[in-house]
Protein backbone atom coordinates (compact mmCIF):
# COMPACT_ATOMS: atom_id res chain seq x y z
CA UNK A 1 98.65 43.24 113.80
CA UNK A 2 97.37 42.41 117.31
CA UNK A 3 95.39 44.49 118.91
CA UNK A 4 95.52 47.64 116.99
CA UNK A 5 92.45 48.87 116.03
CA UNK A 6 91.60 48.97 111.88
CA UNK A 7 90.94 52.48 111.52
CA UNK A 8 95.08 53.04 112.35
CA UNK A 9 95.80 50.52 109.96
CA UNK A 10 94.65 51.72 107.07
CA UNK A 11 96.15 54.33 104.99
CA UNK A 12 95.33 56.03 102.30
CA UNK A 13 96.83 54.91 98.37
CA UNK A 14 97.48 56.29 95.55
CA UNK A 15 96.76 59.94 94.70
CA UNK A 16 94.69 60.07 97.84
CA UNK A 17 98.40 59.25 99.81
CA UNK A 18 100.20 61.62 97.70
CA UNK A 19 97.47 64.60 97.92
CA UNK A 20 97.76 64.22 101.76
CA UNK A 21 101.28 64.31 102.29
CA UNK A 22 101.32 66.89 99.54
CA UNK A 23 99.23 69.12 102.50
CA UNK A 24 100.97 68.23 105.46
CA UNK A 25 104.40 69.74 103.80
CA UNK A 26 102.99 73.20 102.43
CA UNK A 27 101.62 73.10 106.09
CA UNK A 28 104.97 72.42 108.18
CA UNK A 29 106.33 74.76 105.39
CA UNK A 30 103.19 77.76 105.50
CA UNK A 31 102.83 77.67 109.14
CA UNK A 32 105.75 78.11 111.36
CA UNK A 33 106.07 76.16 114.28
CA UNK A 34 104.87 76.84 117.84
CA UNK A 35 102.77 79.96 115.61
CA UNK A 36 99.91 79.66 118.33
CA UNK A 37 101.96 79.96 120.72
CA UNK A 38 105.10 82.03 119.73
CA UNK A 39 104.30 85.71 118.97
CA UNK A 40 105.24 86.89 122.65
CA UNK A 41 102.40 90.10 123.10
CA UNK A 42 104.34 93.52 123.20
CA UNK A 43 102.34 95.21 126.14
CA UNK A 44 103.15 98.92 126.65
CA UNK A 45 102.67 102.38 125.68
CA UNK A 46 104.57 102.89 121.85
CA UNK A 47 104.89 106.03 120.27
CA UNK A 48 103.83 106.33 116.87
CA UNK A 49 104.77 109.25 115.00
CA UNK A 50 106.10 111.04 117.38
CA UNK A 51 102.23 112.56 117.91
CA UNK A 52 100.26 109.64 119.04
CA UNK A 53 101.24 107.44 121.32
CA UNK A 54 99.49 103.11 121.55
CA UNK A 55 97.99 100.85 124.90
CA UNK A 56 99.04 97.89 123.27
CA UNK A 57 96.79 94.86 124.66
CA UNK A 58 95.26 91.54 123.71
CA UNK A 59 92.05 91.55 122.80
CA UNK A 60 90.36 87.74 121.69
CA UNK A 61 93.71 86.83 121.36
CA UNK A 62 94.93 88.75 119.21
CA UNK A 63 96.80 92.92 119.11
CA UNK A 64 94.91 95.90 119.53
CA UNK A 65 96.37 99.48 120.26
CA UNK A 66 94.10 102.66 122.04
CA UNK A 67 94.87 106.11 122.03
CA UNK A 68 96.57 106.73 125.09
CA UNK A 69 98.39 110.09 124.29
CA UNK A 70 98.26 112.56 121.72
CA UNK A 71 101.03 115.44 121.02
CA UNK A 72 98.08 117.72 120.31
CA UNK A 73 94.85 116.44 122.66
CA UNK A 74 92.96 119.62 122.52
CA UNK A 75 91.65 121.65 119.69
CA UNK A 76 91.91 125.47 119.72
CA UNK A 77 88.94 125.67 122.42
CA UNK A 78 89.98 123.66 124.42
CA UNK A 79 87.84 121.11 123.77
CA UNK A 80 89.75 117.10 123.17
CA UNK A 81 90.40 116.47 119.68
CA UNK A 82 87.33 114.37 118.05
CA UNK A 83 87.55 111.65 115.72
CA UNK A 84 86.63 114.88 113.08
CA UNK A 85 87.28 113.24 109.18
CA UNK A 86 85.56 109.71 109.92
CA UNK A 87 83.30 108.48 107.04
CA UNK A 88 80.77 107.55 108.75
CA UNK A 89 79.17 111.17 110.08
CA UNK A 90 77.77 109.33 112.89
CA UNK A 91 81.14 108.97 114.44
CA UNK A 92 82.93 112.28 113.79
CA UNK A 93 81.87 113.24 117.23
CA UNK A 94 83.74 110.39 119.58
CA UNK A 95 86.83 111.80 120.80
CA UNK A 96 90.38 110.40 119.52
CA UNK A 97 91.91 109.86 123.29
CA UNK A 98 91.03 106.02 124.32
CA UNK A 99 90.00 105.64 120.16
CA UNK A 100 90.98 101.87 119.84
CA UNK A 101 92.78 102.30 115.79
CA UNK A 102 94.54 99.10 115.64
CA UNK A 103 92.55 95.98 115.83
CA UNK A 104 92.54 91.91 114.72
CA UNK A 105 96.87 91.35 114.63
CA UNK A 106 97.21 87.94 114.60
CA UNK A 107 100.37 86.58 115.90
CA UNK A 108 102.78 84.51 112.77
CA UNK A 109 106.01 83.40 114.54
CA UNK A 110 108.17 84.65 116.37
CA UNK A 111 107.66 88.84 117.29
CA UNK A 112 105.62 88.86 114.04
CA UNK A 113 101.88 89.60 113.30
CA UNK A 114 99.58 90.57 110.56
CA UNK A 115 96.17 90.83 109.00
CA UNK A 116 95.27 93.40 111.32
CA UNK A 117 93.76 97.37 110.13
CA UNK A 118 94.72 100.71 110.89
CA UNK A 119 92.12 103.02 111.25
CA UNK A 120 94.06 106.37 110.84
CA UNK A 121 91.96 109.86 112.39
CA UNK A 122 94.30 111.76 109.76
CA UNK A 123 92.63 111.09 107.01
CA UNK A 124 89.89 109.08 108.02
CA UNK A 125 91.21 105.47 106.30
CA UNK A 126 91.91 102.22 107.16
CA UNK A 127 94.72 100.32 106.42
CA UNK A 128 95.79 96.76 106.41
CA UNK A 129 98.68 96.42 108.67
CA UNK A 130 101.46 94.33 110.15
CA UNK A 131 103.74 94.02 113.09
CA UNK A 132 107.06 93.00 113.59
CA UNK A 133 109.11 93.14 117.16
CA UNK A 134 113.06 94.57 116.30
CA UNK A 135 114.51 95.09 119.95
CA UNK A 136 112.26 95.26 123.48
CA UNK A 137 111.78 99.26 122.74
CA UNK A 138 110.99 99.01 118.66
CA UNK A 139 108.35 97.32 116.24
CA UNK A 140 108.29 97.95 112.56
CA UNK A 141 105.03 98.65 111.18
CA UNK A 142 103.62 97.97 107.12
CA UNK A 143 101.11 99.78 106.48
CA UNK A 144 99.17 99.02 102.92
CA UNK A 145 95.90 99.58 101.30
CA UNK A 146 96.03 96.09 99.18
CA UNK A 147 99.36 95.75 98.09
CA UNK A 148 102.20 95.06 100.47
CA UNK A 149 105.22 96.41 98.85
CA UNK A 150 103.40 99.22 98.35
CA UNK A 151 102.53 100.63 101.81
CA UNK A 152 105.05 101.93 104.23
CA UNK A 153 107.05 101.38 107.32
CA UNK A 154 106.58 103.30 110.16
CA UNK A 155 108.84 102.29 113.75
CA UNK A 156 107.57 102.82 116.63
CA UNK A 157 109.53 102.98 119.85
CA UNK A 158 108.23 101.56 123.79
CA UNK A 159 108.08 105.15 125.93
CA UNK A 160 106.85 105.54 129.68
CA UNK A 161 103.25 106.10 130.31
CA UNK A 162 102.44 109.52 132.13
CA UNK A 163 105.56 110.82 131.11
CA UNK A 164 104.73 114.08 129.06
CA UNK A 165 101.28 116.13 128.97
CA UNK A 166 98.27 114.91 126.48
CA UNK A 167 97.89 111.56 128.29
CA UNK A 168 94.48 111.06 127.47
């Protein structure tokens, strides 16, 4: 075998070889090709439930989202709305404007992300989140507590920044 090093010539035999081939096959079936570079970041501002606009941005190679606009940005006293329903009393006085409420969305393949978290200031709960870019201006978001099938889909649409009152 001439100049080929011995470690390149050795191949696992028997059960080890079968196990390594099965592991490779499972990997190829589970992980879509090009996952690391497949999910294009959908930058911009996205309207969620027609009452909050999120800026989607990258955070350590993941997707995150922070509040940039609120339909009702101020309370009855004229102060900026605060995170009053947060389960942590020490966080209840923080402003919702600028608050990051989507964290850790990992690319799963072409235009799909998962494994993220969504903090809902309306009820003070944090949900699991997955997302799929349906078109250049539409994302389908799946919010769920434990089981994806028991979750709820939300459609968010791209909006132009600064086009109405309520911008943070």
